mmCIF file of all heavy atoms, coordinates in Angstrom:
data_MODEL
# 
_entry.id   MODEL 
# 
loop_
_atom_site.group_PDB 
_atom_site.id 
_atom_site.type_symbol 
_atom_site.label_atom_id 
_atom_site.label_alt_id 
_atom_site.label_comp_id 
_atom_site.label_asym_id 
_atom_site.label_entity_id 
_atom_site.label_seq_id 
_atom_site.pdbx_PDB_ins_code 
_atom_site.Cartn_x 
_atom_site.Cartn_y 
_atom_site.Cartn_z 
_atom_site.occupancy 
_atom_site.B_iso_or_equiv 
_atom_site.pdbx_formal_charge 
_atom_site.auth_seq_id 
_atom_site.auth_comp_id 
_atom_site.auth_asym_id 
_atom_site.auth_atom_id 
_atom_site.pdbx_PDB_model_num 
ATOM 1   N N   . ARG A 1 1  ? 2.905  -80.306  55.780 1.00 0.00 ? 1  ARG A N   1 
ATOM 2   C CA  . ARG A 1 1  ? 2.546  -79.678  54.443 1.00 0.00 ? 1  ARG A CA  1 
ATOM 3   C C   . ARG A 1 1  ? 3.840  -79.399  53.669 1.00 0.00 ? 1  ARG A C   1 
ATOM 4   O O   . ARG A 1 1  ? 4.661  -78.714  54.136 1.00 0.00 ? 1  ARG A O   1 
ATOM 5   C CB  . ARG A 1 1  ? 1.833  -78.312  54.621 1.00 0.00 ? 1  ARG A CB  1 
ATOM 6   C CG  . ARG A 1 1  ? 1.353  -77.744  53.377 1.00 0.00 ? 1  ARG A CG  1 
ATOM 7   C CD  . ARG A 1 1  ? 0.909  -76.344  53.543 1.00 0.00 ? 1  ARG A CD  1 
ATOM 8   N NE  . ARG A 1 1  ? 0.109  -75.765  52.508 1.00 0.00 ? 1  ARG A NE  1 
ATOM 9   C CZ  . ARG A 1 1  ? -0.102 -74.529  52.222 1.00 0.00 ? 1  ARG A CZ  1 
ATOM 10  N NH1 . ARG A 1 1  ? 0.594  -73.540  52.871 1.00 0.00 ? 1  ARG A NH1 1 
ATOM 11  N NH2 . ARG A 1 1  ? -0.944 -74.044  51.230 1.00 0.00 ? 1  ARG A NH2 1 
ATOM 12  N N   . LEU A 1 2  ? 3.974  -80.118  52.578 1.00 0.00 ? 2  LEU A N   1 
ATOM 13  C CA  . LEU A 1 2  ? 5.165  -79.993  51.769 1.00 0.00 ? 2  LEU A CA  1 
ATOM 14  C C   . LEU A 1 2  ? 4.946  -78.886  50.771 1.00 0.00 ? 2  LEU A C   1 
ATOM 15  O O   . LEU A 1 2  ? 3.782  -78.715  50.169 1.00 0.00 ? 2  LEU A O   1 
ATOM 16  C CB  . LEU A 1 2  ? 5.487  -81.308  51.049 1.00 0.00 ? 2  LEU A CB  1 
ATOM 17  C CG  . LEU A 1 2  ? 5.583  -82.514  52.022 1.00 0.00 ? 2  LEU A CG  1 
ATOM 18  C CD1 . LEU A 1 2  ? 6.076  -83.737  51.113 1.00 0.00 ? 2  LEU A CD1 1 
ATOM 19  C CD2 . LEU A 1 2  ? 6.577  -82.262  53.072 1.00 0.00 ? 2  LEU A CD2 1 
ATOM 20  N N   . SER A 1 3  ? 6.001  -78.237  50.335 1.00 0.00 ? 3  SER A N   1 
ATOM 21  C CA  . SER A 1 3  ? 5.954  -77.292  49.289 1.00 0.00 ? 3  SER A CA  1 
ATOM 22  C C   . SER A 1 3  ? 6.963  -77.480  48.237 1.00 0.00 ? 3  SER A C   1 
ATOM 23  O O   . SER A 1 3  ? 8.061  -78.077  48.524 1.00 0.00 ? 3  SER A O   1 
ATOM 24  C CB  . SER A 1 3  ? 6.154  -75.864  49.915 1.00 0.00 ? 3  SER A CB  1 
ATOM 25  O OG  . SER A 1 3  ? 5.227  -75.494  50.811 1.00 0.00 ? 3  SER A OG  1 
ATOM 26  N N   . CYS A 1 4  ? 6.706  -77.120  46.947 1.00 0.00 ? 4  CYS A N   1 
ATOM 27  C CA  . CYS A 1 4  ? 7.632  -77.292  45.892 1.00 0.00 ? 4  CYS A CA  1 
ATOM 28  C C   . CYS A 1 4  ? 7.640  -76.054  45.100 1.00 0.00 ? 4  CYS A C   1 
ATOM 29  O O   . CYS A 1 4  ? 6.578  -75.724  44.404 1.00 0.00 ? 4  CYS A O   1 
ATOM 30  C CB  . CYS A 1 4  ? 7.358  -78.514  45.028 1.00 0.00 ? 4  CYS A CB  1 
ATOM 31  S SG  . CYS A 1 4  ? 8.266  -78.621  43.587 1.00 0.00 ? 4  CYS A SG  1 
ATOM 32  N N   . ALA A 1 5  ? 8.787  -75.400  45.037 1.00 0.00 ? 5  ALA A N   1 
ATOM 33  C CA  . ALA A 1 5  ? 8.880  -74.184  44.209 1.00 0.00 ? 5  ALA A CA  1 
ATOM 34  C C   . ALA A 1 5  ? 9.402  -74.756  42.746 1.00 0.00 ? 5  ALA A C   1 
ATOM 35  O O   . ALA A 1 5  ? 10.505 -75.279  42.763 1.00 0.00 ? 5  ALA A O   1 
ATOM 36  C CB  . ALA A 1 5  ? 9.824  -73.180  44.755 1.00 0.00 ? 5  ALA A CB  1 
ATOM 37  N N   . ALA A 1 6  ? 8.660  -74.365  41.786 1.00 0.00 ? 6  ALA A N   1 
ATOM 38  C CA  . ALA A 1 6  ? 8.984  -74.893  40.415 1.00 0.00 ? 6  ALA A CA  1 
ATOM 39  C C   . ALA A 1 6  ? 9.317  -73.758  39.527 1.00 0.00 ? 6  ALA A C   1 
ATOM 40  O O   . ALA A 1 6  ? 8.538  -72.752  39.475 1.00 0.00 ? 6  ALA A O   1 
ATOM 41  C CB  . ALA A 1 6  ? 7.834  -75.687  39.833 1.00 0.00 ? 6  ALA A CB  1 
ATOM 42  N N   . SER A 1 7  ? 10.466 -73.729  38.936 1.00 0.00 ? 7  SER A N   1 
ATOM 43  C CA  . SER A 1 7  ? 10.810 -72.640  37.935 1.00 0.00 ? 7  SER A CA  1 
ATOM 44  C C   . SER A 1 7  ? 10.811 -73.257  36.533 1.00 0.00 ? 7  SER A C   1 
ATOM 45  O O   . SER A 1 7  ? 10.691 -74.411  36.363 1.00 0.00 ? 7  SER A O   1 
ATOM 46  C CB  . SER A 1 7  ? 12.195 -72.087  38.264 1.00 0.00 ? 7  SER A CB  1 
ATOM 47  O OG  . SER A 1 7  ? 13.238 -73.049  38.109 1.00 0.00 ? 7  SER A OG  1 
ATOM 48  N N   . GLY A 1 8  ? 11.152 -72.412  35.620 1.00 0.00 ? 8  GLY A N   1 
ATOM 49  C CA  . GLY A 1 8  ? 11.177 -72.829  34.270 1.00 0.00 ? 8  GLY A CA  1 
ATOM 50  C C   . GLY A 1 8  ? 9.828  -72.795  33.553 1.00 0.00 ? 8  GLY A C   1 
ATOM 51  O O   . GLY A 1 8  ? 8.919  -72.160  34.044 1.00 0.00 ? 8  GLY A O   1 
ATOM 52  N N   . SER A 1 9  ? 9.748  -73.436  32.512 1.00 0.00 ? 9  SER A N   1 
ATOM 53  C CA  . SER A 1 9  ? 8.457  -73.465  31.772 1.00 0.00 ? 9  SER A CA  1 
ATOM 54  C C   . SER A 1 9  ? 7.525  -74.479  32.057 1.00 0.00 ? 9  SER A C   1 
ATOM 55  O O   . SER A 1 9  ? 6.442  -74.557  31.351 1.00 0.00 ? 9  SER A O   1 
ATOM 56  C CB  . SER A 1 9  ? 8.905  -73.442  30.288 1.00 0.00 ? 9  SER A CB  1 
ATOM 57  O OG  . SER A 1 9  ? 9.543  -74.729  30.034 1.00 0.00 ? 9  SER A OG  1 
ATOM 58  N N   . ILE A 1 10 ? 7.694  -75.348  33.061 1.00 0.00 ? 10 ILE A N   1 
ATOM 59  C CA  . ILE A 1 10 ? 6.737  -76.487  33.274 1.00 0.00 ? 10 ILE A CA  1 
ATOM 60  C C   . ILE A 1 10 ? 5.509  -76.106  33.950 1.00 0.00 ? 10 ILE A C   1 
ATOM 61  O O   . ILE A 1 10 ? 4.484  -76.740  33.739 1.00 0.00 ? 10 ILE A O   1 
ATOM 62  C CB  . ILE A 1 10 ? 7.517  -77.602  34.000 1.00 0.00 ? 10 ILE A CB  1 
ATOM 63  C CG1 . ILE A 1 10 ? 7.909  -77.076  35.469 1.00 0.00 ? 10 ILE A CG1 1 
ATOM 64  C CG2 . ILE A 1 10 ? 8.721  -78.042  33.265 1.00 0.00 ? 10 ILE A CG2 1 
ATOM 65  C CD1 . ILE A 1 10 ? 8.436  -78.198  36.283 1.00 0.00 ? 10 ILE A CD1 1 
ATOM 66  N N   . PHE A 1 11 ? 5.665  -75.090  34.827 1.00 0.00 ? 11 PHE A N   1 
ATOM 67  C CA  . PHE A 1 11 ? 4.406  -74.799  35.648 1.00 0.00 ? 11 PHE A CA  1 
ATOM 68  C C   . PHE A 1 11 ? 3.239  -74.259  34.854 1.00 0.00 ? 11 PHE A C   1 
ATOM 69  O O   . PHE A 1 11 ? 3.489  -73.387  34.020 1.00 0.00 ? 11 PHE A O   1 
ATOM 70  C CB  . PHE A 1 11 ? 4.820  -73.795  36.755 1.00 0.00 ? 11 PHE A CB  1 
ATOM 71  C CG  . PHE A 1 11 ? 3.895  -73.913  37.958 1.00 0.00 ? 11 PHE A CG  1 
ATOM 72  C CD1 . PHE A 1 11 ? 4.177  -74.729  38.955 1.00 0.00 ? 11 PHE A CD1 1 
ATOM 73  C CD2 . PHE A 1 11 ? 2.684  -73.203  38.012 1.00 0.00 ? 11 PHE A CD2 1 
ATOM 74  C CE1 . PHE A 1 11 ? 3.349  -74.907  40.037 1.00 0.00 ? 11 PHE A CE1 1 
ATOM 75  C CE2 . PHE A 1 11 ? 1.860  -73.248  39.114 1.00 0.00 ? 11 PHE A CE2 1 
ATOM 76  C CZ  . PHE A 1 11 ? 2.137  -74.123  40.092 1.00 0.00 ? 11 PHE A CZ  1 
ATOM 77  N N   . GLY A 1 12 ? 2.140  -74.920  35.033 1.00 0.00 ? 12 GLY A N   1 
ATOM 78  C CA  . GLY A 1 12 ? 0.965  -74.488  34.257 1.00 0.00 ? 12 GLY A CA  1 
ATOM 79  C C   . GLY A 1 12 ? 0.863  -75.081  32.830 1.00 0.00 ? 12 GLY A C   1 
ATOM 80  O O   . GLY A 1 12 ? -0.127 -74.995  32.127 1.00 0.00 ? 12 GLY A O   1 
ATOM 81  N N   . VAL A 1 13 ? 1.930  -75.861  32.484 1.00 0.00 ? 13 VAL A N   1 
ATOM 82  C CA  . VAL A 1 13 ? 1.945  -76.519  31.201 1.00 0.00 ? 13 VAL A CA  1 
ATOM 83  C C   . VAL A 1 13 ? 1.632  -77.990  31.273 1.00 0.00 ? 13 VAL A C   1 
ATOM 84  O O   . VAL A 1 13 ? 0.830  -78.573  30.572 1.00 0.00 ? 13 VAL A O   1 
ATOM 85  C CB  . VAL A 1 13 ? 3.272  -76.294  30.449 1.00 0.00 ? 13 VAL A CB  1 
ATOM 86  C CG1 . VAL A 1 13 ? 3.225  -77.090  29.156 1.00 0.00 ? 13 VAL A CG1 1 
ATOM 87  C CG2 . VAL A 1 13 ? 3.589  -74.776  30.165 1.00 0.00 ? 13 VAL A CG2 1 
ATOM 88  N N   . SER A 1 14 ? 2.309  -78.562  32.369 1.00 0.00 ? 14 SER A N   1 
ATOM 89  C CA  . SER A 1 14 ? 2.221  -79.966  32.542 1.00 0.00 ? 14 SER A CA  1 
ATOM 90  C C   . SER A 1 14 ? 1.550  -80.280  33.784 1.00 0.00 ? 14 SER A C   1 
ATOM 91  O O   . SER A 1 14 ? 1.625  -79.535  34.704 1.00 0.00 ? 14 SER A O   1 
ATOM 92  C CB  . SER A 1 14 ? 3.711  -80.645  32.590 1.00 0.00 ? 14 SER A CB  1 
ATOM 93  O OG  . SER A 1 14 ? 4.379  -80.391  31.398 1.00 0.00 ? 14 SER A OG  1 
ATOM 94  N N   . PRO A 1 15 ? 0.918  -81.453  33.897 1.00 0.00 ? 15 PRO A N   1 
ATOM 95  C CA  . PRO A 1 15 ? 0.369  -81.897  35.210 1.00 0.00 ? 15 PRO A CA  1 
ATOM 96  C C   . PRO A 1 15 ? 1.553  -82.015  36.209 1.00 0.00 ? 15 PRO A C   1 
ATOM 97  O O   . PRO A 1 15 ? 2.666  -82.302  35.742 1.00 0.00 ? 15 PRO A O   1 
ATOM 98  C CB  . PRO A 1 15 ? -0.252 -83.324  34.892 1.00 0.00 ? 15 PRO A CB  1 
ATOM 99  C CG  . PRO A 1 15 ? -0.427 -83.376  33.443 1.00 0.00 ? 15 PRO A CG  1 
ATOM 100 C CD  . PRO A 1 15 ? 0.520  -82.548  32.863 1.00 0.00 ? 15 PRO A CD  1 
ATOM 101 N N   . MET A 1 16 ? 1.283  -81.724  37.358 1.00 0.00 ? 16 MET A N   1 
ATOM 102 C CA  . MET A 1 16 ? 2.247  -81.730  38.425 1.00 0.00 ? 16 MET A CA  1 
ATOM 103 C C   . MET A 1 16 ? 1.948  -82.853  39.382 1.00 0.00 ? 16 MET A C   1 
ATOM 104 O O   . MET A 1 16 ? 0.804  -83.103  39.727 1.00 0.00 ? 16 MET A O   1 
ATOM 105 C CB  . MET A 1 16 ? 2.420  -80.353  39.121 1.00 0.00 ? 16 MET A CB  1 
ATOM 106 C CG  . MET A 1 16 ? 2.904  -79.332  38.323 1.00 0.00 ? 16 MET A CG  1 
ATOM 107 S SD  . MET A 1 16 ? 4.560  -79.512  37.754 1.00 0.00 ? 16 MET A SD  1 
ATOM 108 C CE  . MET A 1 16 ? 5.483  -79.452  39.168 1.00 0.00 ? 16 MET A CE  1 
ATOM 109 N N   . GLY A 1 17 ? 3.032  -83.462  39.876 1.00 0.00 ? 17 GLY A N   1 
ATOM 110 C CA  . GLY A 1 17 ? 2.839  -84.576  40.835 1.00 0.00 ? 17 GLY A CA  1 
ATOM 111 C C   . GLY A 1 17 ? 3.818  -84.596  42.068 1.00 0.00 ? 17 GLY A C   1 
ATOM 112 O O   . GLY A 1 17 ? 4.846  -83.907  41.896 1.00 0.00 ? 17 GLY A O   1 
ATOM 113 N N   . TRP A 1 18 ? 3.422  -85.319  42.992 1.00 0.00 ? 18 TRP A N   1 
ATOM 114 C CA  . TRP A 1 18 ? 4.276  -85.619  44.140 1.00 0.00 ? 18 TRP A CA  1 
ATOM 115 C C   . TRP A 1 18 ? 4.746  -87.043  44.078 1.00 0.00 ? 18 TRP A C   1 
ATOM 116 O O   . TRP A 1 18 ? 3.880  -87.831  43.967 1.00 0.00 ? 18 TRP A O   1 
ATOM 117 C CB  . TRP A 1 18 ? 3.774  -85.179  45.459 1.00 0.00 ? 18 TRP A CB  1 
ATOM 118 C CG  . TRP A 1 18 ? 3.759  -83.785  45.811 1.00 0.00 ? 18 TRP A CG  1 
ATOM 119 C CD1 . TRP A 1 18 ? 2.803  -82.811  45.526 1.00 0.00 ? 18 TRP A CD1 1 
ATOM 120 C CD2 . TRP A 1 18 ? 4.879  -83.081  46.431 1.00 0.00 ? 18 TRP A CD2 1 
ATOM 121 N NE1 . TRP A 1 18 ? 3.208  -81.604  45.967 1.00 0.00 ? 18 TRP A NE1 1 
ATOM 122 C CE2 . TRP A 1 18 ? 4.428  -81.702  46.537 1.00 0.00 ? 18 TRP A CE2 1 
ATOM 123 C CE3 . TRP A 1 18 ? 6.100  -83.412  46.882 1.00 0.00 ? 18 TRP A CE3 1 
ATOM 124 C CZ2 . TRP A 1 18 ? 5.218  -80.773  47.076 1.00 0.00 ? 18 TRP A CZ2 1 
ATOM 125 C CZ3 . TRP A 1 18 ? 6.881  -82.478  47.504 1.00 0.00 ? 18 TRP A CZ3 1 
ATOM 126 C CH2 . TRP A 1 18 ? 6.581  -81.140  47.605 1.00 0.00 ? 18 TRP A CH2 1 
ATOM 127 N N   . TYR A 1 19 ? 5.971  -87.291  44.166 1.00 0.00 ? 19 TYR A N   1 
ATOM 128 C CA  . TYR A 1 19 ? 6.437  -88.676  44.185 1.00 0.00 ? 19 TYR A CA  1 
ATOM 129 C C   . TYR A 1 19 ? 7.162  -88.850  45.496 1.00 0.00 ? 19 TYR A C   1 
ATOM 130 O O   . TYR A 1 19 ? 7.517  -88.021  46.190 1.00 0.00 ? 19 TYR A O   1 
ATOM 131 C CB  . TYR A 1 19 ? 7.498  -88.899  43.088 1.00 0.00 ? 19 TYR A CB  1 
ATOM 132 C CG  . TYR A 1 19 ? 7.058  -88.546  41.665 1.00 0.00 ? 19 TYR A CG  1 
ATOM 133 C CD1 . TYR A 1 19 ? 6.804  -87.330  41.233 1.00 0.00 ? 19 TYR A CD1 1 
ATOM 134 C CD2 . TYR A 1 19 ? 6.827  -89.688  40.845 1.00 0.00 ? 19 TYR A CD2 1 
ATOM 135 C CE1 . TYR A 1 19 ? 6.365  -87.068  39.911 1.00 0.00 ? 19 TYR A CE1 1 
ATOM 136 C CE2 . TYR A 1 19 ? 6.417  -89.384  39.575 1.00 0.00 ? 19 TYR A CE2 1 
ATOM 137 C CZ  . TYR A 1 19 ? 6.163  -88.095  39.107 1.00 0.00 ? 19 TYR A CZ  1 
ATOM 138 O OH  . TYR A 1 19 ? 5.708  -87.943  37.824 1.00 0.00 ? 19 TYR A OH  1 
ATOM 139 N N   . ARG A 1 20 ? 7.434  -90.173  45.885 1.00 0.00 ? 20 ARG A N   1 
ATOM 140 C CA  . ARG A 1 20 ? 8.170  -90.492  47.044 1.00 0.00 ? 20 ARG A CA  1 
ATOM 141 C C   . ARG A 1 20 ? 9.004  -91.633  46.857 1.00 0.00 ? 20 ARG A C   1 
ATOM 142 O O   . ARG A 1 20 ? 8.692  -92.572  46.069 1.00 0.00 ? 20 ARG A O   1 
ATOM 143 C CB  . ARG A 1 20 ? 7.304  -90.729  48.244 1.00 0.00 ? 20 ARG A CB  1 
ATOM 144 C CG  . ARG A 1 20 ? 6.452  -91.872  48.221 1.00 0.00 ? 20 ARG A CG  1 
ATOM 145 C CD  . ARG A 1 20 ? 5.441  -91.976  49.448 1.00 0.00 ? 20 ARG A CD  1 
ATOM 146 N NE  . ARG A 1 20 ? 4.614  -93.085  49.423 1.00 0.00 ? 20 ARG A NE  1 
ATOM 147 C CZ  . ARG A 1 20 ? 3.610  -93.212  50.316 1.00 0.00 ? 20 ARG A CZ  1 
ATOM 148 N NH1 . ARG A 1 20 ? 3.340  -92.269  51.217 1.00 0.00 ? 20 ARG A NH1 1 
ATOM 149 N NH2 . ARG A 1 20 ? 2.861  -94.265  50.205 1.00 0.00 ? 20 ARG A NH2 1 
ATOM 150 N N   . SER A 1 21 ? 10.169 -91.742  47.530 1.00 0.00 ? 21 SER A N   1 
ATOM 151 C CA  . SER A 1 21 ? 11.113 -92.808  47.360 1.00 0.00 ? 21 SER A CA  1 
ATOM 152 C C   . SER A 1 21 ? 11.478 -93.329  48.806 1.00 0.00 ? 21 SER A C   1 
ATOM 153 O O   . SER A 1 21 ? 12.094 -92.569  49.647 1.00 0.00 ? 21 SER A O   1 
ATOM 154 C CB  . SER A 1 21 ? 12.314 -92.339  46.737 1.00 0.00 ? 21 SER A CB  1 
ATOM 155 O OG  . SER A 1 21 ? 13.350 -93.336  46.534 1.00 0.00 ? 21 SER A OG  1 
ATOM 156 N N   . ALA A 1 22 ? 11.049 -94.455  49.081 1.00 0.00 ? 22 ALA A N   1 
ATOM 157 C CA  . ALA A 1 22 ? 11.351 -95.056  50.461 1.00 0.00 ? 22 ALA A CA  1 
ATOM 158 C C   . ALA A 1 22 ? 12.522 -95.983  50.312 1.00 0.00 ? 22 ALA A C   1 
ATOM 159 O O   . ALA A 1 22 ? 12.715 -96.524  49.285 1.00 0.00 ? 22 ALA A O   1 
ATOM 160 C CB  . ALA A 1 22 ? 10.069 -95.804  50.930 1.00 0.00 ? 22 ALA A CB  1 
ATOM 161 N N   . PRO A 1 23 ? 13.219 -96.223  51.456 1.00 0.00 ? 23 PRO A N   1 
ATOM 162 C CA  . PRO A 1 23 ? 14.302 -97.208  51.443 1.00 0.00 ? 23 PRO A CA  1 
ATOM 163 C C   . PRO A 1 23 ? 13.992 -98.529  50.911 1.00 0.00 ? 23 PRO A C   1 
ATOM 164 O O   . PRO A 1 23 ? 12.961 -99.113  51.347 1.00 0.00 ? 23 PRO A O   1 
ATOM 165 C CB  . PRO A 1 23 ? 14.756 -97.178  52.886 1.00 0.00 ? 23 PRO A CB  1 
ATOM 166 C CG  . PRO A 1 23 ? 14.248 -95.949  53.460 1.00 0.00 ? 23 PRO A CG  1 
ATOM 167 C CD  . PRO A 1 23 ? 13.075 -95.610  52.721 1.00 0.00 ? 23 PRO A CD  1 
ATOM 168 N N   . GLY A 1 24 ? 14.728 -99.042  49.911 1.00 0.00 ? 24 GLY A N   1 
ATOM 169 C CA  . GLY A 1 24 ? 14.363 -100.418 49.386 1.00 0.00 ? 24 GLY A CA  1 
ATOM 170 C C   . GLY A 1 24 ? 13.307 -100.448 48.389 1.00 0.00 ? 24 GLY A C   1 
ATOM 171 O O   . GLY A 1 24 ? 12.916 -101.539 47.980 1.00 0.00 ? 24 GLY A O   1 
ATOM 172 N N   . LYS A 1 25 ? 12.647 -99.328  48.078 1.00 0.00 ? 25 LYS A N   1 
ATOM 173 C CA  . LYS A 1 25 ? 11.513 -99.286  47.213 1.00 0.00 ? 25 LYS A CA  1 
ATOM 174 C C   . LYS A 1 25 ? 11.752 -98.410  46.058 1.00 0.00 ? 25 LYS A C   1 
ATOM 175 O O   . LYS A 1 25 ? 12.537 -97.459  46.106 1.00 0.00 ? 25 LYS A O   1 
ATOM 176 C CB  . LYS A 1 25 ? 10.194 -98.914  47.967 1.00 0.00 ? 25 LYS A CB  1 
ATOM 177 C CG  . LYS A 1 25 ? 9.834  -99.810  49.028 1.00 0.00 ? 25 LYS A CG  1 
ATOM 178 C CD  . LYS A 1 25 ? 8.535  -99.355  49.723 1.00 0.00 ? 25 LYS A CD  1 
ATOM 179 C CE  . LYS A 1 25 ? 8.081  -100.233 50.820 1.00 0.00 ? 25 LYS A CE  1 
ATOM 180 N NZ  . LYS A 1 25 ? 6.840  -99.798  51.419 1.00 0.00 ? 25 LYS A NZ  1 
# 
């Protein structure tokens, strides 16, 4: 289970997403 603490004014304003970056991709 991953968690992401978001600060600033974005939370609740914009859609939120999880991204991933794999080696070579």
